[in-house]
Amino acid sequence: QLVHQIRFLDSFLNKNVLNSLDGLSRRIAYSKGSIQRIIKCSHRSCGVTEYFIVNQGKWRGCWQSEGTVELSALALDRSNRMQERKAKIAMEMERKRREEAEKRMREEAERRMREEAERKRREEVERKRRDEVERRKREERAAKAEKKRIEREKKKREEEATKRLRDEIMKKRREETEKRIRDEIAMRRREEAEIEQRKIIQMRILEQNAATEREQKAIAIEELRIKWGQQPLLTVEKEVKSKKKKPNTSDKG
């Protein structure tokens, strides 16, 4: 069906005109300067296209329909329009390429920015993790140091308490020793005083005994003297001898 439609349309085409336009289009690049009449503009109304034809380098011309217009001017106009269309398409493509390049650059920049932001975020997360680990380590070290400090203080307090207790014990022992020494010294002094007192008493007793003996001797001598004065000498000598023979019962004896 498509081939049939193409053949139907092809039957209405003017082959001679198409061949002429094809030849002109091949020669148009080399024959632009030789074409004297050109189309300045076109206007379509009531299904007919009219062209404003002017001479080369002038502004005055006339309107001609598409059936009466020269093929060279029409081919040149079509060629110019095609070139303009090609240039416009090329410019549009260049613009699109530039836009695509800019878009790619923006996407690349955005991708780099996202990667940079992701990298910074990862670095921030890693830094926070390291900070957290470091903080935990510092807290553990601080806790260990605090524990050691508490243990040292506890040990120091225990040592101080032990030292105070030992000092108190030593002080008590020293006081007890000093008290015992003082008691012993006092006891010795009392004993010495008692001994001295006994000695004094004994000396007094001895002195009293000696005084008593002296008195007794004096009395005895006095008695003997009295007797000697009354008795003869032989009788006195006998009494003295008899007294000498008697045992001595005094304390001194």
Protein backbone atom coordinates (compact mmCIF):
# COMPACT_ATOMS: atom_id res chain seq x y z
CA GLN A 1 0.00 0.00 0.00
CA LEU A 2 2.84 2.38 0.78
CA VAL A 3 4.52 1.64 -2.56
CA HIS A 4 1.23 2.23 -4.29
CA GLN A 5 0.86 5.63 -2.62
CA ILE A 6 4.41 6.59 -3.52
CA ARG A 7 3.82 5.69 -7.18
CA PHE A 8 0.59 7.68 -7.14
CA LEU A 9 2.39 10.75 -5.82
CA ASP A 10 5.28 10.23 -8.21
CA SER A 11 2.90 10.35 -11.19
CA PHE A 12 2.03 13.99 -10.34
CA LEU A 13 5.68 15.18 -10.15
CA ASN A 14 7.28 17.08 -13.01
CA LYS A 15 10.40 15.08 -13.80
CA ASN A 16 11.90 17.71 -16.07
CA VAL A 17 11.65 20.41 -13.40
CA LEU A 18 13.11 18.11 -10.82
CA ASN A 19 16.03 17.21 -13.05
CA SER A 20 16.65 20.89 -13.84
CA LEU A 21 16.56 21.81 -10.16
CA ASP A 22 18.86 18.93 -9.36
CA GLY A 23 21.35 20.14 -11.95
CA LEU A 24 21.04 23.70 -10.73
CA SER A 25 21.56 22.62 -7.15
CA ARG A 26 24.80 20.94 -8.17
CA ARG A 27 26.00 24.02 -10.03
CA ILE A 28 24.61 26.58 -7.57
CA ALA A 29 27.78 26.76 -5.51
CA TYR A 30 29.77 27.79 -8.58
CA SER A 31 27.12 29.87 -10.36
CA LYS A 32 25.93 32.19 -7.58
CA GLY A 33 27.70 35.17 -9.14
CA SER A 34 26.27 34.50 -12.60
CA ILE A 35 22.61 34.50 -11.45
CA GLN A 36 21.23 38.02 -11.97
CA ARG A 37 17.70 37.64 -10.55
CA ILE A 38 17.20 36.58 -6.95
CA ILE A 39 14.24 36.10 -4.65
CA LYS A 40 14.10 38.58 -1.76
CA CYS A 41 11.00 37.24 -0.04
CA SER A 42 7.93 35.04 -0.56
CA HIS A 43 4.27 35.24 0.27
CA ARG A 44 1.64 32.51 0.26
CA SER A 45 -2.04 33.30 -0.11
CA CYS A 46 -5.02 31.38 -1.46
CA GLY A 47 -2.88 28.28 -1.97
CA VAL A 48 -0.43 30.08 -4.29
CA THR A 49 3.09 31.13 -3.37
CA GLU A 50 4.36 34.39 -4.81
CA TYR A 51 7.98 35.50 -4.87
CA PHE A 52 9.44 39.01 -4.95
CA ILE A 53 12.10 38.94 -7.73
CA VAL A 54 14.83 41.63 -7.90
CA ASN A 55 17.99 42.08 -9.93
CA GLN A 56 21.36 41.43 -8.33
CA GLY A 57 22.44 44.42 -6.22
CA LYS A 58 19.13 46.34 -6.55
CA TRP A 59 15.97 46.76 -4.48
CA ARG A 60 13.34 47.23 -7.17
CA GLY A 61 11.57 44.15 -8.47
CA CYS A 62 8.24 42.47 -9.09
CA TRP A 63 6.08 39.70 -7.66
CA GLN A 64 5.85 36.45 -9.64
CA SER A 65 3.89 33.28 -8.98
CA GLU A 66 5.54 29.95 -8.46
CA GLY A 67 4.59 28.91 -12.01
CA THR A 68 6.32 31.83 -13.73
CA VAL A 69 9.34 32.31 -11.52
CA GLU A 70 12.76 31.44 -12.97
CA LEU A 71 14.16 28.12 -11.87
CA SER A 72 17.63 29.57 -11.24
CA ALA A 73 16.26 32.15 -8.78
CA LEU A 74 14.06 29.54 -7.18
CA ALA A 75 16.96 27.07 -6.92
CA LEU A 76 19.20 29.81 -5.45
CA ASP A 77 16.48 30.74 -2.94
CA ARG A 78 15.99 27.12 -2.00
CA SER A 79 19.75 26.65 -1.75
CA ASN A 80 20.09 29.74 0.43
CA ARG A 81 17.22 28.61 2.61
CA MET A 82 18.74 25.14 2.87
CA GLN A 83 22.11 26.63 3.79
CA GLU A 84 20.42 28.92 6.28
CA ARG A 85 18.51 25.93 7.62
CA LYS A 86 21.74 23.92 7.75
CA ALA A 87 23.53 26.81 9.45
CA LYS A 88 20.63 27.18 11.86
CA ILE A 89 20.59 23.45 12.46
CA ALA A 90 24.36 23.50 12.90
CA MET A 91 24.06 26.43 15.30
CA GLU A 92 21.25 24.66 17.11
CA MET A 93 23.32 21.49 17.30
CA GLU A 94 26.31 23.51 18.44
CA ARG A 95 24.12 25.18 21.01
CA LYS A 96 22.79 21.82 22.10
CA ARG A 97 26.35 20.45 22.21
CA ARG A 98 27.41 23.45 24.28
CA GLU A 99 24.37 23.00 26.52
CA GLU A 100 25.07 19.28 26.78
CA ALA A 101 28.73 20.04 27.49
CA GLU A 102 27.72 22.64 30.06
CA LYS A 103 25.18 20.21 31.46
CA ARG A 104 27.83 17.50 31.61
CA MET A 105 30.19 19.98 33.21
CA ARG A 106 27.50 21.00 35.70
CA GLU A 107 26.67 17.35 36.35
CA GLU A 108 30.38 16.62 36.70
CA ALA A 109 30.75 19.60 39.02
CA GLU A 110 27.67 18.52 40.96
CA ARG A 111 28.97 14.97 41.05
CA ARG A 112 32.33 16.24 42.28
CA MET A 113 30.55 18.46 44.79
CA ARG A 114 28.46 15.49 45.93
CA GLU A 115 31.58 13.34 46.11
CA GLU A 116 33.36 16.12 47.97
CA ALA A 117 30.38 16.52 50.30
CA GLU A 118 30.21 12.74 50.75
CA ARG A 119 33.95 12.64 51.36
CA LYS A 120 33.66 15.48 53.86
CA ARG A 121 30.69 13.76 55.47
CA ARG A 122 32.66 10.49 55.70
CA GLU A 123 35.65 12.42 57.04
CA GLU A 124 33.38 14.17 59.55
CA VAL A 125 31.86 10.83 60.56
CA GLU A 126 35.32 9.31 60.81
CA ARG A 127 36.58 12.33 62.75
CA LYS A 128 33.59 12.11 65.10
CA ARG A 129 34.19 8.38 65.49
CA ARG A 130 37.88 9.01 66.23
CA ASP A 131 36.91 11.81 68.62
CA GLU A 132 34.42 9.49 70.31
CA VAL A 133 37.03 6.72 70.56
CA GLU A 134 39.58 9.23 71.84
CA ARG A 135 37.04 10.63 74.31
CA ARG A 136 36.24 7.13 75.55
CA LYS A 137 39.94 6.39 75.88
CA ARG A 138 40.42 9.65 77.79
CA GLU A 139 37.44 8.81 80.01
CA GLU A 140 38.84 5.31 80.60
CA ARG A 141 42.28 6.75 81.38
CA ALA A 142 40.68 9.36 83.63
CA ALA A 143 38.59 6.65 85.34
CA LYS A 144 41.70 4.48 85.80
CA ALA A 145 43.65 7.48 87.09
CA GLU A 146 40.78 8.37 89.43
CA LYS A 147 40.59 4.76 90.59
CA LYS A 148 44.33 4.67 91.17
CA ARG A 149 44.12 8.02 92.98
CA ILE A 150 41.28 6.72 95.18
CA GLU A 151 43.28 3.55 95.86
CA ARG A 152 46.37 5.62 96.67
CA GLU A 153 44.35 7.88 98.96
CA LYS A 154 42.73 4.84 100.58
CA LYS A 155 46.12 3.21 101.00
CA LYS A 156 47.53 6.48 102.30
CA ARG A 157 44.65 6.81 104.76
CA GLU A 158 45.14 3.20 105.83
CA GLU A 159 48.87 3.82 106.22
CA GLU A 160 48.16 7.00 108.16
CA ALA A 161 45.61 5.17 110.32
CA THR A 162 48.10 2.32 110.82
CA LYS A 163 50.80 4.83 111.59
CA ARG A 164 48.55 6.69 114.03
CA LEU A 165 47.56 3.40 115.63
CA ARG A 166 51.18 2.34 115.79
CA ASP A 167 52.14 5.73 117.20
CA GLU A 168 49.34 5.48 119.73
CA ILE A 169 50.42 1.96 120.63
CA MET A 170 54.04 3.09 120.85
CA LYS A 171 52.96 6.11 122.87
CA LYS A 172 50.92 3.93 125.19
CA ARG A 173 53.78 1.49 125.49
CA ARG A 174 56.19 4.35 126.05
CA GLU A 175 53.85 5.85 128.65
CA GLU A 176 53.40 2.45 130.24
CA THR A 177 57.17 1.93 130.19
CA GLU A 178 57.75 5.42 131.60
CA LYS A 179 55.03 4.80 134.19
CA ARG A 180 56.55 1.44 135.03
CA ILE A 181 59.99 3.04 135.22
CA ARG A 182 58.58 5.84 137.38
CA ASP A 183 56.82 3.27 139.54
CA GLU A 184 60.01 1.24 139.80
CA ILE A 185 61.99 4.38 140.58
CA ALA A 186 59.39 5.40 143.16
CA MET A 187 59.39 1.86 144.54
CA ARG A 188 63.16 1.85 144.67
CA ARG A 189 63.10 5.23 146.33
CA ARG A 190 60.50 4.02 148.78
CA GLU A 191 62.56 0.89 149.38
CA GLU A 192 65.68 2.98 149.76
CA ALA A 193 63.78 5.33 152.04
CA GLU A 194 62.51 2.34 154.01
CA ILE A 195 66.01 0.91 154.11
CA GLU A 196 67.35 4.27 155.20
CA GLN A 197 64.59 4.52 157.76
CA ARG A 198 65.36 1.02 158.95
CA LYS A 199 69.02 1.90 159.12
CA ILE A 200 68.16 5.05 161.02
CA ILE A 201 65.87 3.07 163.29
CA GLN A 202 68.56 0.42 163.75
CA MET A 203 71.14 3.11 164.38
CA ARG A 204 68.81 4.76 166.86
CA ILE A 205 68.17 1.39 168.46
CA LEU A 206 71.88 0.74 168.54
CA GLU A 207 72.48 4.17 169.92
CA GLN A 208 69.75 3.61 172.50
CA ASN A 209 71.21 0.21 173.30
CA ALA A 210 74.65 1.72 173.49
CA ALA A 211 73.31 4.49 175.69
CA THR A 212 71.50 1.94 177.83
CA GLU A 213 74.65 -0.12 178.12
CA ARG A 214 76.66 2.95 178.95
CA GLU A 215 74.10 3.85 181.57
CA GLN A 216 74.11 0.29 182.85
CA LYS A 217 77.91 0.30 182.89
CA ALA A 218 77.92 3.63 184.57
CA ILE A 219 75.42 2.33 187.12
CA ALA A 220 77.37 -0.85 187.49
CA ILE A 221 80.60 1.11 187.87
CA GLU A 222 78.89 3.40 190.28
CA GLU A 223 77.63 0.42 192.23
CA LEU A 224 81.01 -1.18 192.06
CA ARG A 225 82.60 2.05 193.11
CA ILE A 226 80.25 2.22 196.02
CA LYS A 227 80.94 -1.38 196.87
CA TRP A 228 84.61 -0.92 196.42
CA GLY A 229 84.52 1.86 198.78
CA GLN A 230 82.86 -0.38 201.43
CA GLN A 231 84.50 -3.81 200.80
CA PRO A 232 88.08 -4.81 200.82
CA LEU A 233 90.04 -5.09 197.58
CA LEU A 234 90.05 -8.90 197.36
CA THR A 235 86.29 -9.12 197.58
CA VAL A 236 85.93 -6.54 194.82
CA GLU A 237 88.31 -8.45 192.56
CA LYS A 238 86.30 -11.61 193.06
CA GLU A 239 83.04 -9.91 192.17
CA VAL A 240 84.58 -8.43 189.04
CA LYS A 241 85.85 -11.81 188.00
CA SER A 242 82.47 -13.38 188.61
CA LYS A 243 80.79 -10.72 186.48
CA LYS A 244 83.26 -11.30 183.70
CA LYS A 245 82.41 -14.96 183.71
CA LYS A 246 78.64 -14.32 183.32
CA PRO A 247 77.30 -14.65 179.67
CA ASN A 248 76.41 -11.38 177.87
CA THR A 249 72.68 -11.36 176.90
CA SER A 250 72.51 -7.92 175.31
CA ASP A 251 71.69 -7.27 171.67
CA LYS A 252 75.17 -6.17 170.96
CA GLY A 253 76.58 -9.34 172.43
